[in-house]
Structure formats: C-alpha cells, structure tokens
C-alpha cells in the first residue's frame, strides 16, 4: 500500500517565517521528509531562499532580492508582520 509523502511548503510556514532556517528545521522536527522552497539570486548571484517578488511583506524593505547584494540582504530582518507581529 502506498504511504503518503509529506512535503512542507516553504518549511513550517504556519508557525515560522517562510523559507527561513527555523521554518525548515521545524518542518523536519515535525516529521516532514521533504520541503519545497523558492530560490532567487541576489545582485551578486548568491542563491537566497525567498518567495515574493519584493521584500516588503517579509522584510518591510522596498525592492527585490536581485536589487541587493547578499551582504546587504543579510542585514534585513525577516518577519511576517501580519502573522508574527
């Protein structure tokens, strides 16, 4: 008999900011075997886990991932103000 496969969409995004290490870790701790993430490239071509077209919803910053270098992006705080404020 086939067993279901659980795939966490953007990690454990119901409890943690999506596509973050804490969300991915929580998904695995909860028993998922796989995660689906979104990858975009920074201005200096470093892969970054991020879904949205712009940074506003999760970082309260203007622009998009590709508008910033990785070192600039590292300085932003990721949160979902509607969900985690």
N, C-alpha and C. Protein backbone atom coordinates (compact mmCIF):
# COMPACT_ATOMS: atom_id res chain seq x y z
N UNK A 1 0.83 -1.18 0.00
CA UNK A 1 0.00 0.00 0.00
C UNK A 1 0.88 1.25 0.00
N UNK A 2 0.49 2.21 -0.76
CA UNK A 2 1.24 3.46 -0.83
C UNK A 2 1.08 4.27 0.44
N UNK A 3 2.16 4.86 0.88
CA UNK A 3 2.14 5.73 2.06
C UNK A 3 2.20 7.18 1.60
N UNK A 4 1.51 8.07 2.29
CA UNK A 4 1.57 9.48 1.90
C UNK A 4 2.97 10.06 2.14
N UNK A 5 3.33 10.99 1.30
CA UNK A 5 4.59 11.72 1.45
C UNK A 5 4.23 13.14 1.86
N UNK A 6 4.81 13.60 2.94
CA UNK A 6 4.54 14.95 3.43
C UNK A 6 5.65 15.88 2.97
N UNK A 7 5.25 16.96 2.30
CA UNK A 7 6.18 17.97 1.82
C UNK A 7 5.78 19.30 2.44
N UNK A 8 6.70 19.90 3.17
CA UNK A 8 6.41 21.18 3.82
C UNK A 8 6.65 22.32 2.83
N UNK A 9 5.61 23.07 2.57
CA UNK A 9 5.68 24.19 1.63
C UNK A 9 6.33 25.39 2.31
N UNK A 10 7.54 25.74 1.88
CA UNK A 10 8.33 26.84 2.45
C UNK A 10 8.70 26.59 3.91
N UNK A 11 8.81 25.33 4.29
CA UNK A 11 9.10 24.97 5.67
C UNK A 11 7.82 24.93 6.48
N UNK A 12 7.93 25.09 7.78
CA UNK A 12 6.76 25.11 8.67
C UNK A 12 6.26 26.55 8.70
N UNK A 13 5.73 27.00 7.57
CA UNK A 13 5.36 28.41 7.39
C UNK A 13 4.13 28.82 8.19
N UNK A 14 3.39 27.86 8.72
CA UNK A 14 2.23 28.21 9.55
C UNK A 14 2.66 28.74 10.91
N UNK A 15 3.88 28.39 11.32
CA UNK A 15 4.34 28.79 12.65
C UNK A 15 5.57 29.68 12.63
N UNK A 16 6.30 29.72 11.50
CA UNK A 16 7.54 30.48 11.41
C UNK A 16 7.60 31.21 10.07
N UNK A 17 8.39 32.28 9.98
CA UNK A 17 8.50 32.97 8.69
C UNK A 17 8.98 32.01 7.59
N UNK A 18 8.28 32.02 6.47
CA UNK A 18 8.54 31.08 5.39
C UNK A 18 9.96 31.18 4.84
N UNK A 19 10.45 30.05 4.35
CA UNK A 19 11.76 29.96 3.72
C UNK A 19 12.91 30.39 4.63
N UNK A 20 12.75 30.24 5.94
CA UNK A 20 13.83 30.54 6.87
C UNK A 20 14.37 29.24 7.45
N UNK A 21 15.58 29.28 7.97
CA UNK A 21 16.16 28.07 8.56
C UNK A 21 15.31 27.54 9.70
N UNK A 22 14.77 28.44 10.52
CA UNK A 22 13.93 27.99 11.64
C UNK A 22 12.67 27.29 11.13
N UNK A 23 12.10 27.77 10.03
CA UNK A 23 10.91 27.13 9.45
C UNK A 23 11.25 25.76 8.86
N UNK A 24 12.41 25.66 8.22
CA UNK A 24 12.83 24.38 7.66
C UNK A 24 13.13 23.38 8.76
N UNK A 25 13.85 23.80 9.78
CA UNK A 25 14.16 22.92 10.91
C UNK A 25 12.89 22.44 11.60
N UNK A 26 11.96 23.35 11.83
CA UNK A 26 10.70 22.99 12.49
C UNK A 26 9.91 21.98 11.66
N UNK A 27 9.94 22.12 10.35
CA UNK A 27 9.24 21.18 9.48
C UNK A 27 9.82 19.77 9.62
N UNK A 28 11.14 19.68 9.64
CA UNK A 28 11.77 18.36 9.81
C UNK A 28 11.51 17.81 11.21
N UNK A 29 11.54 18.66 12.22
CA UNK A 29 11.25 18.23 13.59
C UNK A 29 9.81 17.71 13.70
N UNK A 30 8.91 18.28 12.90
CA UNK A 30 7.50 17.86 12.92
C UNK A 30 7.26 16.58 12.13
N UNK A 31 8.29 16.10 11.43
CA UNK A 31 8.16 14.82 10.75
C UNK A 31 8.11 14.84 9.24
N UNK A 32 8.19 16.00 8.63
CA UNK A 32 8.19 16.01 7.17
C UNK A 32 9.51 15.43 6.65
N UNK A 33 9.46 14.87 5.47
CA UNK A 33 10.67 14.32 4.86
C UNK A 33 11.25 15.24 3.80
N UNK A 34 10.42 16.13 3.28
CA UNK A 34 10.83 17.00 2.19
C UNK A 34 10.30 18.41 2.43
N UNK A 35 10.99 19.38 1.86
CA UNK A 35 10.49 20.75 1.88
C UNK A 35 10.55 21.32 0.46
N UNK A 36 9.65 22.22 0.18
CA UNK A 36 9.65 22.96 -1.08
C UNK A 36 10.03 24.38 -0.71
N UNK A 37 11.02 24.93 -1.40
CA UNK A 37 11.45 26.30 -1.15
C UNK A 37 11.54 27.06 -2.46
N UNK A 38 11.63 28.36 -2.35
CA UNK A 38 11.78 29.24 -3.51
C UNK A 38 13.18 29.84 -3.46
N UNK A 39 13.86 29.86 -4.59
CA UNK A 39 15.22 30.38 -4.65
C UNK A 39 15.29 31.51 -5.66
N UNK A 40 15.88 32.62 -5.23
CA UNK A 40 16.14 33.76 -6.10
C UNK A 40 17.62 34.13 -5.96
N UNK A 41 18.16 34.83 -6.94
CA UNK A 41 19.55 35.25 -6.89
C UNK A 41 19.67 36.70 -6.47
N UNK A 42 20.63 36.96 -5.57
CA UNK A 42 20.92 38.34 -5.17
C UNK A 42 21.64 39.05 -6.33
N UNK A 43 21.89 40.34 -6.16
CA UNK A 43 22.57 41.12 -7.20
C UNK A 43 23.95 40.55 -7.52
N UNK A 44 24.60 39.93 -6.54
CA UNK A 44 25.91 39.32 -6.77
C UNK A 44 25.80 37.80 -7.00
N UNK A 45 24.61 37.36 -7.39
CA UNK A 45 24.35 35.99 -7.86
C UNK A 45 24.50 34.92 -6.77
N UNK A 46 24.16 35.27 -5.54
CA UNK A 46 24.14 34.31 -4.44
C UNK A 46 22.70 33.81 -4.29
N UNK A 47 22.48 32.48 -4.24
CA UNK A 47 21.12 31.96 -4.06
C UNK A 47 20.56 32.34 -2.68
N UNK A 48 19.31 32.79 -2.68
CA UNK A 48 18.62 33.20 -1.45
C UNK A 48 17.24 32.54 -1.44
N UNK A 49 16.85 31.97 -0.30
CA UNK A 49 15.50 31.40 -0.18
C UNK A 49 14.53 32.54 0.05
N UNK A 50 13.65 32.77 -0.92
CA UNK A 50 12.68 33.85 -0.81
C UNK A 50 11.63 33.66 -1.89
N UNK A 51 10.36 33.86 -1.53
CA UNK A 51 9.26 33.63 -2.47
C UNK A 51 8.80 34.89 -3.19
N UNK A 52 8.51 35.94 -2.46
CA UNK A 52 7.84 37.12 -3.02
C UNK A 52 8.69 37.84 -4.06
N UNK A 53 8.00 38.59 -4.93
CA UNK A 53 8.70 39.40 -5.93
C UNK A 53 9.44 40.56 -5.30
N UNK A 54 8.91 41.07 -4.18
CA UNK A 54 9.58 42.18 -3.49
C UNK A 54 9.76 41.84 -2.02
N UNK A 55 10.49 42.68 -1.32
CA UNK A 55 10.86 42.43 0.07
C UNK A 55 9.88 43.01 1.08
N UNK A 56 8.87 43.70 0.63
CA UNK A 56 8.00 44.47 1.52
C UNK A 56 7.30 43.62 2.58
N UNK A 57 6.63 42.55 2.20
CA UNK A 57 5.82 41.78 3.14
C UNK A 57 6.65 41.14 4.26
N UNK A 58 7.79 40.59 3.92
CA UNK A 58 8.57 39.87 4.93
C UNK A 58 9.72 40.66 5.53
N UNK A 59 10.16 41.71 4.86
CA UNK A 59 11.32 42.47 5.36
C UNK A 59 11.03 43.96 5.56
N UNK A 60 9.85 44.41 5.17
CA UNK A 60 9.50 45.82 5.24
C UNK A 60 10.55 46.70 4.55
N UNK A 61 11.03 46.23 3.40
CA UNK A 61 12.02 46.94 2.59
C UNK A 61 11.48 47.07 1.17
N UNK A 62 11.86 48.13 0.50
CA UNK A 62 11.48 48.27 -0.91
C UNK A 62 12.44 47.46 -1.77
N UNK A 63 12.03 47.19 -2.99
CA UNK A 63 12.89 46.49 -3.93
C UNK A 63 12.73 44.98 -3.85
N UNK A 64 13.56 44.32 -4.64
CA UNK A 64 13.51 42.86 -4.77
C UNK A 64 14.86 42.26 -4.39
N UNK A 65 14.90 40.96 -4.24
CA UNK A 65 16.13 40.25 -3.90
C UNK A 65 17.26 40.64 -4.85
N UNK A 66 16.98 40.65 -6.14
CA UNK A 66 18.03 40.92 -7.13
C UNK A 66 18.53 42.36 -7.11
N UNK A 67 17.88 43.23 -6.35
CA UNK A 67 18.32 44.63 -6.23
C UNK A 67 19.41 44.82 -5.18
N UNK A 68 19.68 43.80 -4.39
CA UNK A 68 20.62 43.92 -3.27
C UNK A 68 21.69 42.83 -3.34
N UNK A 69 22.88 43.14 -2.84
CA UNK A 69 23.91 42.12 -2.70
C UNK A 69 23.56 41.23 -1.52
N UNK A 70 24.21 40.09 -1.46
CA UNK A 70 23.94 39.18 -0.35
C UNK A 70 24.28 39.82 0.99
N UNK A 71 25.38 40.55 1.06
CA UNK A 71 25.76 41.18 2.33
C UNK A 71 24.73 42.23 2.76
N UNK A 72 24.11 42.91 1.81
CA UNK A 72 23.03 43.85 2.16
C UNK A 72 21.81 43.10 2.66
N UNK A 73 21.45 42.02 1.99
CA UNK A 73 20.28 41.23 2.38
C UNK A 73 20.43 40.63 3.78
N UNK A 74 21.64 40.25 4.14
CA UNK A 74 21.87 39.67 5.47
C UNK A 74 21.52 40.62 6.60
N UNK A 75 21.49 41.90 6.33
CA UNK A 75 21.20 42.90 7.36
C UNK A 75 19.70 43.09 7.59
N UNK A 76 18.87 42.58 6.69
CA UNK A 76 17.42 42.73 6.82
C UNK A 76 16.87 41.69 7.78
N UNK A 77 15.86 42.07 8.54
CA UNK A 77 15.14 41.14 9.41
C UNK A 77 13.96 40.56 8.65
N UNK A 78 13.78 39.26 8.74
CA UNK A 78 12.66 38.60 8.09
C UNK A 78 11.57 38.36 9.12
N UNK A 79 10.39 38.84 8.80
CA UNK A 79 9.22 38.61 9.64
C UNK A 79 8.00 38.71 8.74
N UNK A 80 6.90 38.27 9.22
CA UNK A 80 5.63 38.47 8.52
C UNK A 80 4.78 39.25 9.49
N UNK A 81 4.76 40.57 9.33
CA UNK A 81 4.11 41.43 10.32
C UNK A 81 2.64 41.10 10.51
N UNK A 82 1.98 40.59 9.49
CA UNK A 82 0.57 40.23 9.63
C UNK A 82 0.40 38.96 10.46
N UNK A 83 1.36 38.05 10.36
CA UNK A 83 1.24 36.76 11.02
C UNK A 83 1.99 36.69 12.35
N UNK A 84 3.15 37.35 12.44
CA UNK A 84 4.02 37.18 13.59
C UNK A 84 4.22 38.44 14.42
N UNK A 85 3.49 39.49 14.16
CA UNK A 85 3.68 40.74 14.91
C UNK A 85 3.10 40.64 16.31
